[in-house]
């Protein structure tokens, strides 16, 4: 499991996917979210700009990451 440390109160889902290096671009992040390939806290997520807060867990293509505060 990876950890994505943020320095703000939240991060948007599409930004998180890009920062984790799971997608090559913001457009690709939006596409995989639109296709329902991303799971947040065990729920399939379709909102590109869903706000992720510390403690939330993202799963994509067998990879898992948790959001952590600085």
PDB file of N, CA and C in Angstrom:
ATOM      1  N   UNK A   1       0.850  -1.182   0.000  1.00  0.00           N
ATOM      2  CA  UNK A   1       0.000   0.000   0.000  1.00  0.00           C
ATOM      3  C   UNK A   1       0.889   1.237   0.000  1.00  0.00           C
ATOM      4  N   UNK A   2       0.558   2.154  -0.893  1.00  0.00           N
ATOM      5  CA  UNK A   2       1.287   3.421  -0.976  1.00  0.00           C
ATOM      6  C   UNK A   2       0.628   4.464  -0.075  1.00  0.00           C
ATOM      7  N   UNK A   3       1.370   5.507   0.214  1.00  0.00           N
ATOM      8  CA  UNK A   3       0.838   6.630   0.975  1.00  0.00           C
ATOM      9  C   UNK A   3       1.021   7.899   0.161  1.00  0.00           C
ATOM     10  N   UNK A   4      -0.043   8.662   0.021  1.00  0.00           N
ATOM     11  CA  UNK A   4       0.022   9.955  -0.652  1.00  0.00           C
ATOM     12  C   UNK A   4      -0.173  11.021   0.416  1.00  0.00           C
ATOM     13  N   UNK A   5       0.899  11.728   0.732  1.00  0.00           N
ATOM     14  CA  UNK A   5       0.845  12.766   1.759  1.00  0.00           C
ATOM     15  C   UNK A   5       0.456  14.084   1.107  1.00  0.00           C
ATOM     16  N   UNK A   6      -0.574  14.710   1.669  1.00  0.00           N
ATOM     17  CA  UNK A   6      -1.038  15.990   1.130  1.00  0.00           C
ATOM     18  C   UNK A   6      -0.757  17.114   2.128  1.00  0.00           C
ATOM     19  N   UNK A   7      -0.595  18.315   1.593  1.00  0.00           N
ATOM     20  CA  UNK A   7      -0.277  19.483   2.413  1.00  0.00           C
ATOM     21  C   UNK A   7      -1.455  20.443   2.492  1.00  0.00           C
ATOM     22  N   UNK A   8      -2.595  20.008   1.979  1.00  0.00           N
ATOM     23  CA  UNK A   8      -3.821  20.793   1.982  1.00  0.00           C
ATOM     24  C   UNK A   8      -4.903  19.970   2.675  1.00  0.00           C
ATOM     25  N   UNK A   9      -6.050  20.546   2.982  1.00  0.00           N
ATOM     26  CA  UNK A   9      -7.101  19.776   3.669  1.00  0.00           C
ATOM     27  C   UNK A   9      -7.601  18.581   2.863  1.00  0.00           C
ATOM     28  N   UNK A  10      -7.586  18.686   1.513  1.00  0.00           N
ATOM     29  CA  UNK A  10      -8.065  17.593   0.666  1.00  0.00           C
ATOM     30  C   UNK A  10      -7.351  17.646  -0.683  1.00  0.00           C
ATOM     31  N   UNK A  11      -7.533  16.584  -1.477  1.00  0.00           N
ATOM     32  CA  UNK A  11      -7.025  16.544  -2.851  1.00  0.00           C
ATOM     33  C   UNK A  11      -8.126  15.941  -3.715  1.00  0.00           C
ATOM     34  N   UNK A  12      -8.216  16.391  -4.953  1.00  0.00           N
ATOM     35  CA  UNK A  12      -9.223  15.847  -5.857  1.00  0.00           C
ATOM     36  C   UNK A  12      -8.751  14.504  -6.391  1.00  0.00           C
ATOM     37  N   UNK A  13      -9.705  13.611  -6.632  1.00  0.00           N
ATOM     38  CA  UNK A  13      -9.390  12.253  -7.064  1.00  0.00           C
ATOM     39  C   UNK A  13      -8.530  12.225  -8.319  1.00  0.00           C
ATOM     40  N   UNK A  14      -8.897  13.004  -9.331  1.00  0.00           N
ATOM     41  CA  UNK A  14      -8.111  12.966 -10.568  1.00  0.00           C
ATOM     42  C   UNK A  14      -6.680  13.448 -10.351  1.00  0.00           C
ATOM     43  N   UNK A  15      -6.486  14.412  -9.471  1.00  0.00           N
ATOM     44  CA  UNK A  15      -5.144  14.890  -9.145  1.00  0.00           C
ATOM     45  C   UNK A  15      -4.347  13.815  -8.400  1.00  0.00           C
ATOM     46  N   UNK A  16      -5.018  13.110  -7.511  1.00  0.00           N
ATOM     47  CA  UNK A  16      -4.351  12.060  -6.729  1.00  0.00           C
ATOM     48  C   UNK A  16      -3.839  10.950  -7.638  1.00  0.00           C
ATOM     49  N   UNK A  17      -4.656  10.538  -8.592  1.00  0.00           N
ATOM     50  CA  UNK A  17      -4.234   9.477  -9.516  1.00  0.00           C
ATOM     51  C   UNK A  17      -2.988   9.889 -10.290  1.00  0.00           C
ATOM     52  N   UNK A  18      -2.958  11.137 -10.689  1.00  0.00           N
ATOM     53  CA  UNK A  18      -1.811  11.641 -11.444  1.00  0.00           C
ATOM     54  C   UNK A  18      -0.570  11.735 -10.544  1.00  0.00           C
ATOM     55  N   UNK A  19      -0.718  12.261  -9.339  1.00  0.00           N
ATOM     56  CA  UNK A  19       0.420  12.380  -8.424  1.00  0.00           C
ATOM     57  C   UNK A  19       0.997  11.026  -8.023  1.00  0.00           C
ATOM     58  N   UNK A  20       0.131  10.033  -7.910  1.00  0.00           N
ATOM     59  CA  UNK A  20       0.593   8.687  -7.569  1.00  0.00           C
ATOM     60  C   UNK A  20       1.323   8.030  -8.737  1.00  0.00           C
ATOM     61  N   UNK A  21       1.185   8.594  -9.929  1.00  0.00           N
ATOM     62  CA  UNK A  21       1.833   8.028 -11.104  1.00  0.00           C
ATOM     63  C   UNK A  21       1.075   6.850 -11.689  1.00  0.00           C
ATOM     64  N   UNK A  22      -0.185   6.697 -11.302  1.00  0.00           N
ATOM     65  CA  UNK A  22      -1.009   5.584 -11.782  1.00  0.00           C
ATOM     66  C   UNK A  22      -1.553   5.853 -13.173  1.00  0.00           C
ATOM     67  N   UNK A  23      -1.597   7.116 -13.570  1.00  0.00           N
ATOM     68  CA  UNK A  23      -2.012   7.510 -14.914  1.00  0.00           C
ATOM     69  C   UNK A  23      -0.993   8.509 -15.436  1.00  0.00           C
ATOM     70  N   UNK A  24      -0.948   8.662 -16.759  1.00  0.00           N
ATOM     71  CA  UNK A  24       0.049   9.541 -17.359  1.00  0.00           C
ATOM     72  C   UNK A  24      -0.375  10.999 -17.428  1.00  0.00           C
ATOM     73  N   UNK A  25      -1.696  11.237 -17.408  1.00  0.00           N
ATOM     74  CA  UNK A  25      -2.172  12.605 -17.565  1.00  0.00           C
ATOM     75  C   UNK A  25      -3.505  12.801 -16.858  1.00  0.00           C
ATOM     76  N   UNK A  26      -3.884  14.058 -16.739  1.00  0.00           N
ATOM     77  CA  UNK A  26      -5.171  14.370 -16.142  1.00  0.00           C
ATOM     78  C   UNK A  26      -6.318  13.837 -16.985  1.00  0.00           C
ATOM     79  N   UNK A  27      -6.152  13.880 -18.311  1.00  0.00           N
ATOM     80  CA  UNK A  27      -7.191  13.367 -19.209  1.00  0.00           C
ATOM     81  C   UNK A  27      -7.371  11.864 -19.011  1.00  0.00           C
ATOM     82  N   UNK A  28      -6.258  11.152 -18.838  1.00  0.00           N
ATOM     83  CA  UNK A  28      -6.341   9.708 -18.607  1.00  0.00           C
ATOM     84  C   UNK A  28      -6.986   9.430 -17.254  1.00  0.00           C
ATOM     85  N   UNK A  29      -6.696  10.259 -16.255  1.00  0.00           N
ATOM     86  CA  UNK A  29      -7.312  10.108 -14.936  1.00  0.00           C
ATOM     87  C   UNK A  29      -8.825  10.248 -15.057  1.00  0.00           C
ATOM     88  N   UNK A  30      -9.267  11.272 -15.761  1.00  0.00           N
ATOM     89  CA  UNK A  30     -10.704  11.488 -15.950  1.00  0.00           C
ATOM     90  C   UNK A  30     -11.347  10.308 -16.675  1.00  0.00           C
ATOM     91  N   UNK A  31     -10.641   9.752 -17.648  1.00  0.00           N
ATOM     92  CA  UNK A  31     -11.182   8.633 -18.426  1.00  0.00           C
ATOM     93  C   UNK A  31     -11.369   7.380 -17.560  1.00  0.00           C
ATOM     94  N   UNK A  32     -10.374   7.034 -16.748  1.00  0.00           N
ATOM     95  CA  UNK A  32     -10.507   5.825 -15.923  1.00  0.00           C
ATOM     96  C   UNK A  32     -11.565   6.005 -14.835  1.00  0.00           C
ATOM     97  N   UNK A  33     -11.722   7.244 -14.352  1.00  0.00           N
ATOM     98  CA  UNK A  33     -12.780   7.520 -13.370  1.00  0.00           C
ATOM     99  C   UNK A  33     -14.145   7.383 -14.039  1.00  0.00           C
ATOM    100  N   UNK A  34     -14.284   7.955 -15.245  1.00  0.00           N
ATOM    101  CA  UNK A  34     -15.550   7.866 -15.987  1.00  0.00           C
ATOM    102  C   UNK A  34     -15.937   6.414 -16.271  1.00  0.00           C
ATOM    103  N   UNK A  35     -14.950   5.555 -16.462  1.00  0.00           N
ATOM    104  CA  UNK A  35     -15.195   4.141 -16.757  1.00  0.00           C
ATOM    105  C   UNK A  35     -15.493   3.325 -15.498  1.00  0.00           C
ATOM    106  N   UNK A  36     -15.395   3.957 -14.336  1.00  0.00           N
ATOM    107  CA  UNK A  36     -15.695   3.258 -13.094  1.00  0.00           C
ATOM    108  C   UNK A  36     -14.596   2.328 -12.627  1.00  0.00           C
ATOM    109  N   UNK A  37     -13.362   2.609 -13.016  1.00  0.00           N
ATOM    110  CA  UNK A  37     -12.243   1.734 -12.666  1.00  0.00           C
ATOM    111  C   UNK A  37     -11.579   2.077 -11.339  1.00  0.00           C
ATOM    112  N   UNK A  38     -12.039   3.159 -10.703  1.00  0.00           N
ATOM    113  CA  UNK A  38     -11.428   3.609  -9.449  1.00  0.00           C
ATOM    114  C   UNK A  38     -12.398   3.366  -8.294  1.00  0.00           C
ATOM    115  N   UNK A  39     -11.863   2.868  -7.185  1.00  0.00           N
ATOM    116  CA  UNK A  39     -12.655   2.609  -5.983  1.00  0.00           C
ATOM    117  C   UNK A  39     -12.105   3.472  -4.851  1.00  0.00           C
ATOM    118  N   UNK A  40     -12.994   4.179  -4.170  1.00  0.00           N
ATOM    119  CA  UNK A  40     -12.616   5.008  -3.027  1.00  0.00           C
ATOM    120  C   UNK A  40     -13.388   4.512  -1.818  1.00  0.00           C
ATOM    121  N   UNK A  41     -12.663   4.122  -0.778  1.00  0.00           N
ATOM    122  CA  UNK A  41     -13.294   3.589   0.441  1.00  0.00           C
ATOM    123  C   UNK A  41     -14.308   2.489   0.118  1.00  0.00           C
ATOM    124  N   UNK A  42     -13.893   1.561  -0.750  1.00  0.00           N
ATOM    125  CA  UNK A  42     -14.677   0.376  -1.118  1.00  0.00           C
ATOM    126  C   UNK A  42     -15.941   0.691  -1.918  1.00  0.00           C
ATOM    127  N   UNK A  43     -16.022   1.898  -2.510  1.00  0.00           N
ATOM    128  CA  UNK A  43     -17.169   2.286  -3.333  1.00  0.00           C
ATOM    129  C   UNK A  43     -16.651   2.747  -4.698  1.00  0.00           C
ATOM    130  N   UNK A  44     -17.235   2.188  -5.763  1.00  0.00           N
ATOM    131  CA  UNK A  44     -16.856   2.598  -7.112  1.00  0.00           C
ATOM    132  C   UNK A  44     -17.148   4.086  -7.271  1.00  0.00           C
ATOM    133  N   UNK A  45     -16.153   4.839  -7.768  1.00  0.00           N
ATOM    134  CA  UNK A  45     -16.269   6.297  -7.820  1.00  0.00           C
ATOM    135  C   UNK A  45     -16.300   6.800  -9.265  1.00  0.00           C
ATOM    136  N   UNK A  46     -17.264   7.669  -9.561  1.00  0.00           N
ATOM    137  CA  UNK A  46     -17.399   8.255 -10.888  1.00  0.00           C
ATOM    138  C   UNK A  46     -17.194   9.772 -10.877  1.00  0.00           C
ATOM    139  N   UNK A  47     -16.984  10.356  -9.703  1.00  0.00           N
ATOM    140  CA  UNK A  47     -16.813  11.818  -9.615  1.00  0.00           C
ATOM    141  C   UNK A  47     -15.327  12.155  -9.768  1.00  0.00           C
ATOM    142  N   UNK A  48     -15.002  12.832 -10.834  1.00  0.00           N
ATOM    143  CA  UNK A  48     -13.603  13.178 -11.128  1.00  0.00           C
ATOM    144  C   UNK A  48     -12.979  14.030 -10.029  1.00  0.00           C
ATOM    145  N   UNK A  49     -13.743  14.963  -9.527  1.00  0.00           N
ATOM    146  CA  UNK A  49     -13.200  15.904  -8.545  1.00  0.00           C
ATOM    147  C   UNK A  49     -13.652  15.590  -7.125  1.00  0.00           C
ATOM    148  N   UNK A  50     -13.931  14.322  -6.883  1.00  0.00           N
ATOM    149  CA  UNK A  50     -14.295  13.897  -5.535  1.00  0.00           C
ATOM    150  C   UNK A  50     -13.175  14.309  -4.578  1.00  0.00           C
ATOM    151  N   UNK A  51     -13.530  14.933  -3.480  1.00  0.00           N
ATOM    152  CA  UNK A  51     -12.531  15.384  -2.511  1.00  0.00           C
ATOM    153  C   UNK A  51     -12.092  14.216  -1.632  1.00  0.00           C
ATOM    154  N   UNK A  52     -10.788  13.995  -1.596  1.00  0.00           N
ATOM    155  CA  UNK A  52     -10.213  12.937  -0.773  1.00  0.00           C
ATOM    156  C   UNK A  52      -9.546  13.574   0.439  1.00  0.00           C
ATOM    157  N   UNK A  53      -9.877  13.054   1.605  1.00  0.00           N
ATOM    158  CA  UNK A  53      -9.340  13.566   2.865  1.00  0.00           C
ATOM    159  C   UNK A  53      -8.424  12.521   3.496  1.00  0.00           C
ATOM    160  N   UNK A  54      -7.555  12.930   4.416  1.00  0.00           N
ATOM    161  CA  UNK A  54      -6.680  11.961   5.077  1.00  0.00           C
ATOM    162  C   UNK A  54      -7.469  10.784   5.651  1.00  0.00           C
ATOM    163  N   UNK A  55      -6.920   9.592   5.442  1.00  0.00           N
ATOM    164  CA  UNK A  55      -7.554   8.375   5.918  1.00  0.00           C
ATOM    165  C   UNK A  55      -8.341   7.644   4.837  1.00  0.00           C
ATOM    166  N   UNK A  56      -8.632   8.330   3.729  1.00  0.00           N
ATOM    167  CA  UNK A  56      -9.381   7.687   2.645  1.00  0.00           C
ATOM    168  C   UNK A  56      -8.451   6.785   1.837  1.00  0.00           C
ATOM    169  N   UNK A  57      -9.014   5.707   1.283  1.00  0.00           N
ATOM    170  CA  UNK A  57      -8.235   4.713   0.547  1.00  0.00           C
ATOM    171  C   UNK A  57      -8.702   4.661  -0.900  1.00  0.00           C
ATOM    172  N   UNK A  58      -7.732   4.652  -1.840  1.00  0.00           N
ATOM    173  CA  UNK A  58      -8.005   4.582  -3.270  1.00  0.00           C
ATOM    174  C   UNK A  58      -7.471   3.248  -3.801  1.00  0.00           C
ATOM    175  N   UNK A  59      -8.245   2.610  -4.670  1.00  0.00           N
ATOM    176  CA  UNK A  59      -7.788   1.380  -5.323  1.00  0.00           C
ATOM    177  C   UNK A  59      -7.985   1.536  -6.827  1.00  0.00           C
ATOM    178  N   UNK A  60      -6.941   1.183  -7.584  1.00  0.00           N
ATOM    179  CA  UNK A  60      -7.003   1.248  -9.054  1.00  0.00           C
ATOM    180  C   UNK A  60      -6.069   0.198  -9.626  1.00  0.00           C
ATOM    181  N   UNK A  61      -6.605  -0.692 -10.434  1.00  0.00           N
ATOM    182  CA  UNK A  61      -5.821  -1.737 -11.114  1.00  0.00           C
ATOM    183  C   UNK A  61      -4.908  -2.499 -10.155  1.00  0.00           C
ATOM    184  N   UNK A  62      -5.435  -2.907  -9.020  1.00  0.00           N
ATOM    185  CA  UNK A  62      -4.667  -3.705  -8.060  1.00  0.00           C
ATOM    186  C   UNK A  62      -3.714  -2.900  -7.192  1.00  0.00           C
ATOM    187  N   UNK A  63      -3.665  -1.602  -7.386  1.00  0.00           N
ATOM    188  CA  UNK A  63      -2.818  -0.742  -6.568  1.00  0.00           C
ATOM    189  C   UNK A  63      -3.682  -0.060  -5.522  1.00  0.00           C
ATOM    190  N   UNK A  64      -3.120   0.118  -4.339  1.00  0.00           N
ATOM    191  CA  UNK A  64      -3.853   0.733  -3.239  1.00  0.00           C
ATOM    192  C   UNK A  64      -3.013   1.858  -2.649  1.00  0.00           C
ATOM    193  N   UNK A  65      -3.694   2.950  -2.308  1.00  0.00           N
ATOM    194  CA  UNK A  65      -3.007   4.073  -1.655  1.00  0.00           C
ATOM    195  C   UNK A  65      -3.928   4.665  -0.599  1.00  0.00           C
ATOM    196  N   UNK A  66      -3.325   5.178   0.450  1.00  0.00           N
ATOM    197  CA  UNK A  66      -4.071   5.860   1.508  1.00  0.00           C
ATOM    198  C   UNK A  66      -3.629   7.324   1.505  1.00  0.00           C
ATOM    199  N   UNK A  67      -4.586   8.212   1.722  1.00  0.00           N
ATOM    200  CA  UNK A  67      -4.284   9.646   1.804  1.00  0.00           C
ATOM    201  C   UNK A  67      -3.859   9.956   3.231  1.00  0.00           C
ATOM    202  N   UNK A  68      -2.768  10.693   3.369  1.00  0.00           N
ATOM    203  CA  UNK A  68      -2.262  11.046   4.691  1.00  0.00           C
ATOM    204  C   UNK A  68      -2.004  12.545   4.763  1.00  0.00           C
ATOM    205  N   UNK A  69      -2.190  13.112   5.946  1.00  0.00           N
ATOM    206  CA  UNK A  69      -1.915  14.532   6.159  1.00  0.00           C
ATOM    207  C   UNK A  69      -0.437  14.718   6.454  1.00  0.00           C
ATOM    208  N   UNK A  70       0.066  15.895   6.137  1.00  0.00           N
ATOM    209  CA  UNK A  70       1.466  16.225   6.399  1.00  0.00           C
ATOM    210  C   UNK A  70       1.786  16.156   7.862  1.00  0.00           C
TER     211      UNK A  70
END
